PDB file of N, CA and C in Angstrom:
ATOM      1  N   MET A   1      39.504  76.543  57.317  1.00  0.00           N
ATOM      2  CA  MET A   1      39.028  77.924  57.425  1.00  0.00           C
ATOM      3  C   MET A   1      39.023  78.370  58.881  1.00  0.00           C
ATOM      4  N   TYR A   2      39.372  79.620  59.091  1.00  0.00           N
ATOM      5  CA  TYR A   2      39.417  80.159  60.439  1.00  0.00           C
ATOM      6  C   TYR A   2      38.191  81.021  60.681  1.00  0.00           C
ATOM      7  N   GLN A   3      37.592  80.839  61.867  1.00  0.00           N
ATOM      8  CA  GLN A   3      36.416  81.638  62.198  1.00  0.00           C
ATOM      9  C   GLN A   3      36.817  83.021  62.699  1.00  0.00           C
ATOM     10  N   GLY A   4      38.079  83.184  63.093  1.00  0.00           N
ATOM     11  CA  GLY A   4      38.541  84.470  63.599  1.00  0.00           C
ATOM     12  C   GLY A   4      39.657  84.996  62.718  1.00  0.00           C
ATOM     13  N   THR A   5      40.125  86.193  63.012  1.00  0.00           N
ATOM     14  CA  THR A   5      41.196  86.771  62.221  1.00  0.00           C
ATOM     15  C   THR A   5      42.533  86.426  62.851  1.00  0.00           C
ATOM     16  N   MET A   6      43.529  86.157  62.018  1.00  0.00           N
ATOM     17  CA  MET A   6      44.849  85.822  62.527  1.00  0.00           C
ATOM     18  C   MET A   6      45.857  86.848  62.035  1.00  0.00           C
ATOM     19  N   THR A   7      46.660  87.356  62.953  1.00  0.00           N
ATOM     20  CA  THR A   7      47.649  88.354  62.582  1.00  0.00           C
ATOM     21  C   THR A   7      49.044  87.794  62.797  1.00  0.00           C
ATOM     22  N   TYR A   8      49.908  87.965  61.803  1.00  0.00           N
ATOM     23  CA  TYR A   8      51.280  87.470  61.894  1.00  0.00           C
ATOM     24  C   TYR A   8      52.209  88.646  62.152  1.00  0.00           C
ATOM     25  N   LEU A   9      53.003  88.537  63.214  1.00  0.00           N
ATOM     26  CA  LEU A   9      53.915  89.616  63.556  1.00  0.00           C
ATOM     27  C   LEU A   9      55.346  89.100  63.576  1.00  0.00           C
ATOM     28  N   ALA A  10      56.280  89.945  63.167  1.00  0.00           N
ATOM     29  CA  ALA A  10      57.685  89.573  63.201  1.00  0.00           C
ATOM     30  C   ALA A  10      58.502  90.783  63.618  1.00  0.00           C
ATOM     31  N   SER A  11      59.529  90.552  64.428  1.00  0.00           N
ATOM     32  CA  SER A  11      60.378  91.649  64.857  1.00  0.00           C
ATOM     33  C   SER A  11      61.816  91.154  64.968  1.00  0.00           C
ATOM     34  N   VAL A  12      62.763  92.067  64.868  1.00  0.00           N
ATOM     35  CA  VAL A  12      64.176  91.713  64.950  1.00  0.00           C
ATOM     36  C   VAL A  12      64.735  92.259  66.254  1.00  0.00           C
ATOM     37  N   SER A  13      65.348  91.375  67.037  1.00  0.00           N
ATOM     38  CA  SER A  13      65.892  91.798  68.321  1.00  0.00           C
ATOM     39  C   SER A  13      67.266  92.436  68.125  1.00  0.00           C
ATOM     40  N   GLU A  14      67.881  92.870  69.230  1.00  0.00           N
ATOM     41  CA  GLU A  14      69.156  93.567  69.151  1.00  0.00           C
ATOM     42  C   GLU A  14      70.263  92.670  68.608  1.00  0.00           C
ATOM     43  N   ASP A  15      70.219  91.372  68.953  1.00  0.00           N
ATOM     44  CA  ASP A  15      71.288  90.473  68.512  1.00  0.00           C
ATOM     45  C   ASP A  15      71.062  89.958  67.093  1.00  0.00           C
ATOM     46  N   GLY A  16      69.979  90.384  66.457  1.00  0.00           N
ATOM     47  CA  GLY A  16      69.755  90.018  65.069  1.00  0.00           C
ATOM     48  C   GLY A  16      68.805  88.861  64.886  1.00  0.00           C
ATOM     49  N   LYS A  17      68.330  88.276  66.000  1.00  0.00           N
ATOM     50  CA  LYS A  17      67.391  87.166  65.866  1.00  0.00           C
ATOM     51  C   LYS A  17      66.030  87.685  65.417  1.00  0.00           C
ATOM     52  N   ILE A  18      65.363  86.897  64.610  1.00  0.00           N
ATOM     53  CA  ILE A  18      64.036  87.283  64.137  1.00  0.00           C
ATOM     54  C   ILE A  18      62.986  86.571  64.973  1.00  0.00           C
ATOM     55  N   TRP A  19      62.206  87.336  65.701  1.00  0.00           N
ATOM     56  CA  TRP A  19      61.154  86.773  66.539  1.00  0.00           C
ATOM     57  C   TRP A  19      59.827  86.926  65.816  1.00  0.00           C
ATOM     58  N   SER A  20      59.137  85.822  65.648  1.00  0.00           N
ATOM     59  CA  SER A  20      57.847  85.877  64.961  1.00  0.00           C
ATOM     60  C   SER A  20      56.828  85.081  65.746  1.00  0.00           C
ATOM     61  N   TRP A  21      55.604  85.534  65.740  1.00  0.00           N
ATOM     62  CA  TRP A  21      54.561  84.833  66.464  1.00  0.00           C
ATOM     63  C   TRP A  21      53.210  85.162  65.855  1.00  0.00           C
ATOM     64  N   HIS A  22      52.233  84.319  66.189  1.00  0.00           N
ATOM     65  CA  HIS A  22      50.882  84.517  65.672  1.00  0.00           C
ATOM     66  C   HIS A  22      49.988  85.014  66.799  1.00  0.00           C
ATOM     67  N   LEU A  23      49.199  86.026  66.507  1.00  0.00           N
ATOM     68  CA  LEU A  23      48.220  86.507  67.473  1.00  0.00           C
ATOM     69  C   LEU A  23      46.838  86.172  66.939  1.00  0.00           C
ATOM     70  N   THR A  24      46.146  85.281  67.641  1.00  0.00           N
ATOM     71  CA  THR A  24      44.813  84.904  67.179  1.00  0.00           C
ATOM     72  C   THR A  24      43.773  85.665  67.975  1.00  0.00           C
ATOM     73  N   PHE A  25      42.845  86.271  67.281  1.00  0.00           N
ATOM     74  CA  PHE A  25      41.809  87.058  67.933  1.00  0.00           C
ATOM     75  C   PHE A  25      40.495  86.293  68.022  1.00  0.00           C
ATOM     76  N   ASP A  26      40.562  84.997  67.676  1.00  0.00           N
ATOM     77  CA  ASP A  26      39.361  84.176  67.794  1.00  0.00           C
ATOM     78  C   ASP A  26      39.183  83.826  69.260  1.00  0.00           C
ATOM     79  N   LYS A  27      38.108  84.303  69.872  1.00  0.00           N
ATOM     80  CA  LYS A  27      37.911  84.128  71.310  1.00  0.00           C
ATOM     81  C   LYS A  27      37.859  82.657  71.701  1.00  0.00           C
ATOM     82  N   SER A  28      37.226  81.820  70.896  1.00  0.00           N
ATOM     83  CA  SER A  28      37.065  80.416  71.240  1.00  0.00           C
ATOM     84  C   SER A  28      38.402  79.683  71.205  1.00  0.00           C
ATOM     85  N   VAL A  29      39.338  80.178  70.417  1.00  0.00           N
ATOM     86  CA  VAL A  29      40.632  79.512  70.294  1.00  0.00           C
ATOM     87  C   VAL A  29      41.661  80.145  71.218  1.00  0.00           C
ATOM     88  N   SER A  30      41.735  81.488  71.220  1.00  0.00           N
ATOM     89  CA  SER A  30      42.762  82.183  71.990  1.00  0.00           C
ATOM     90  C   SER A  30      42.582  81.958  73.485  1.00  0.00           C
ATOM     91  N   SER A  31      41.337  81.879  73.941  1.00  0.00           N
ATOM     92  CA  SER A  31      41.088  81.709  75.371  1.00  0.00           C
ATOM     93  C   SER A  31      41.617  80.368  75.855  1.00  0.00           C
ATOM     94  N   LYS A  32      41.544  79.338  74.998  1.00  0.00           N
ATOM     95  CA  LYS A  32      42.026  78.021  75.395  1.00  0.00           C
ATOM     96  C   LYS A  32      43.548  77.961  75.358  1.00  0.00           C
ATOM     97  N   LYS A  33      44.165  78.647  74.391  1.00  0.00           N
ATOM     98  CA  LYS A  33      45.620  78.614  74.272  1.00  0.00           C
ATOM     99  C   LYS A  33      46.282  79.468  75.344  1.00  0.00           C
ATOM    100  N   ILE A  34      45.680  80.626  75.645  1.00  0.00           N
ATOM    101  CA  ILE A  34      46.282  81.533  76.617  1.00  0.00           C
ATOM    102  C   ILE A  34      46.066  81.024  78.034  1.00  0.00           C
ATOM    103  N   ASN A  35      44.861  80.564  78.344  1.00  0.00           N
ATOM    104  CA  ASN A  35      44.548  80.097  79.689  1.00  0.00           C
ATOM    105  C   ASN A  35      44.026  78.661  79.649  1.00  0.00           C
ATOM    106  N   PRO A  36      44.932  77.679  79.439  1.00  0.00           N
ATOM    107  CA  PRO A  36      44.490  76.287  79.343  1.00  0.00           C
ATOM    108  C   PRO A  36      43.982  75.744  80.668  1.00  0.00           C
ATOM    109  N   ALA A  37      44.479  76.312  81.781  1.00  0.00           N
ATOM    110  CA  ALA A  37      44.104  75.794  83.095  1.00  0.00           C
ATOM    111  C   ALA A  37      42.860  76.485  83.643  1.00  0.00           C
ATOM    112  N   ARG A  38      42.466  77.577  83.010  1.00  0.00           N
ATOM    113  CA  ARG A  38      41.309  78.330  83.495  1.00  0.00           C
ATOM    114  C   ARG A  38      40.027  77.693  82.967  1.00  0.00           C
ATOM    115  N   PRO A  39      39.024  77.522  83.805  1.00  0.00           N
ATOM    116  CA  PRO A  39      37.757  76.930  83.360  1.00  0.00           C
ATOM    117  C   PRO A  39      37.077  77.822  82.328  1.00  0.00           C
ATOM    118  N   LEU A  40      36.245  77.223  81.495  1.00  0.00           N
ATOM    119  CA  LEU A  40      35.578  77.991  80.442  1.00  0.00           C
ATOM    120  C   LEU A  40      34.592  78.985  81.037  1.00  0.00           C
ATOM    121  N   ARG A  41      33.941  78.590  82.130  1.00  0.00           N
ATOM    122  CA  ARG A  41      32.974  79.491  82.763  1.00  0.00           C
ATOM    123  C   ARG A  41      33.555  80.040  84.057  1.00  0.00           C
ATOM    124  N   VAL A  42      33.594  81.345  84.174  1.00  0.00           N
ATOM    125  CA  VAL A  42      34.130  81.991  85.377  1.00  0.00           C
ATOM    126  C   VAL A  42      32.989  82.667  86.125  1.00  0.00           C
ATOM    127  N   VAL A  43      32.821  82.298  87.372  1.00  0.00           N
ATOM    128  CA  VAL A  43      31.747  82.889  88.177  1.00  0.00           C
ATOM    129  C   VAL A  43      32.336  83.987  89.046  1.00  0.00           C
ATOM    130  N   ARG A  44      31.824  85.194  88.879  1.00  0.00           N
ATOM    131  CA  ARG A  44      32.341  86.311  89.671  1.00  0.00           C
ATOM    132  C   ARG A  44      31.417  86.629  90.821  1.00  0.00           C
TER     133      ARG A  44
END
């Protein structure tokens, strides 16, 4: 079970290739996947 919502997107490029990817809006998961090198706590 997912704690956040997951959206599946697909698009066709000019050369006919089908590009598909998942966009996860779960903050606890997306933050780690997008910024693996960034610390969990950011002090401003």
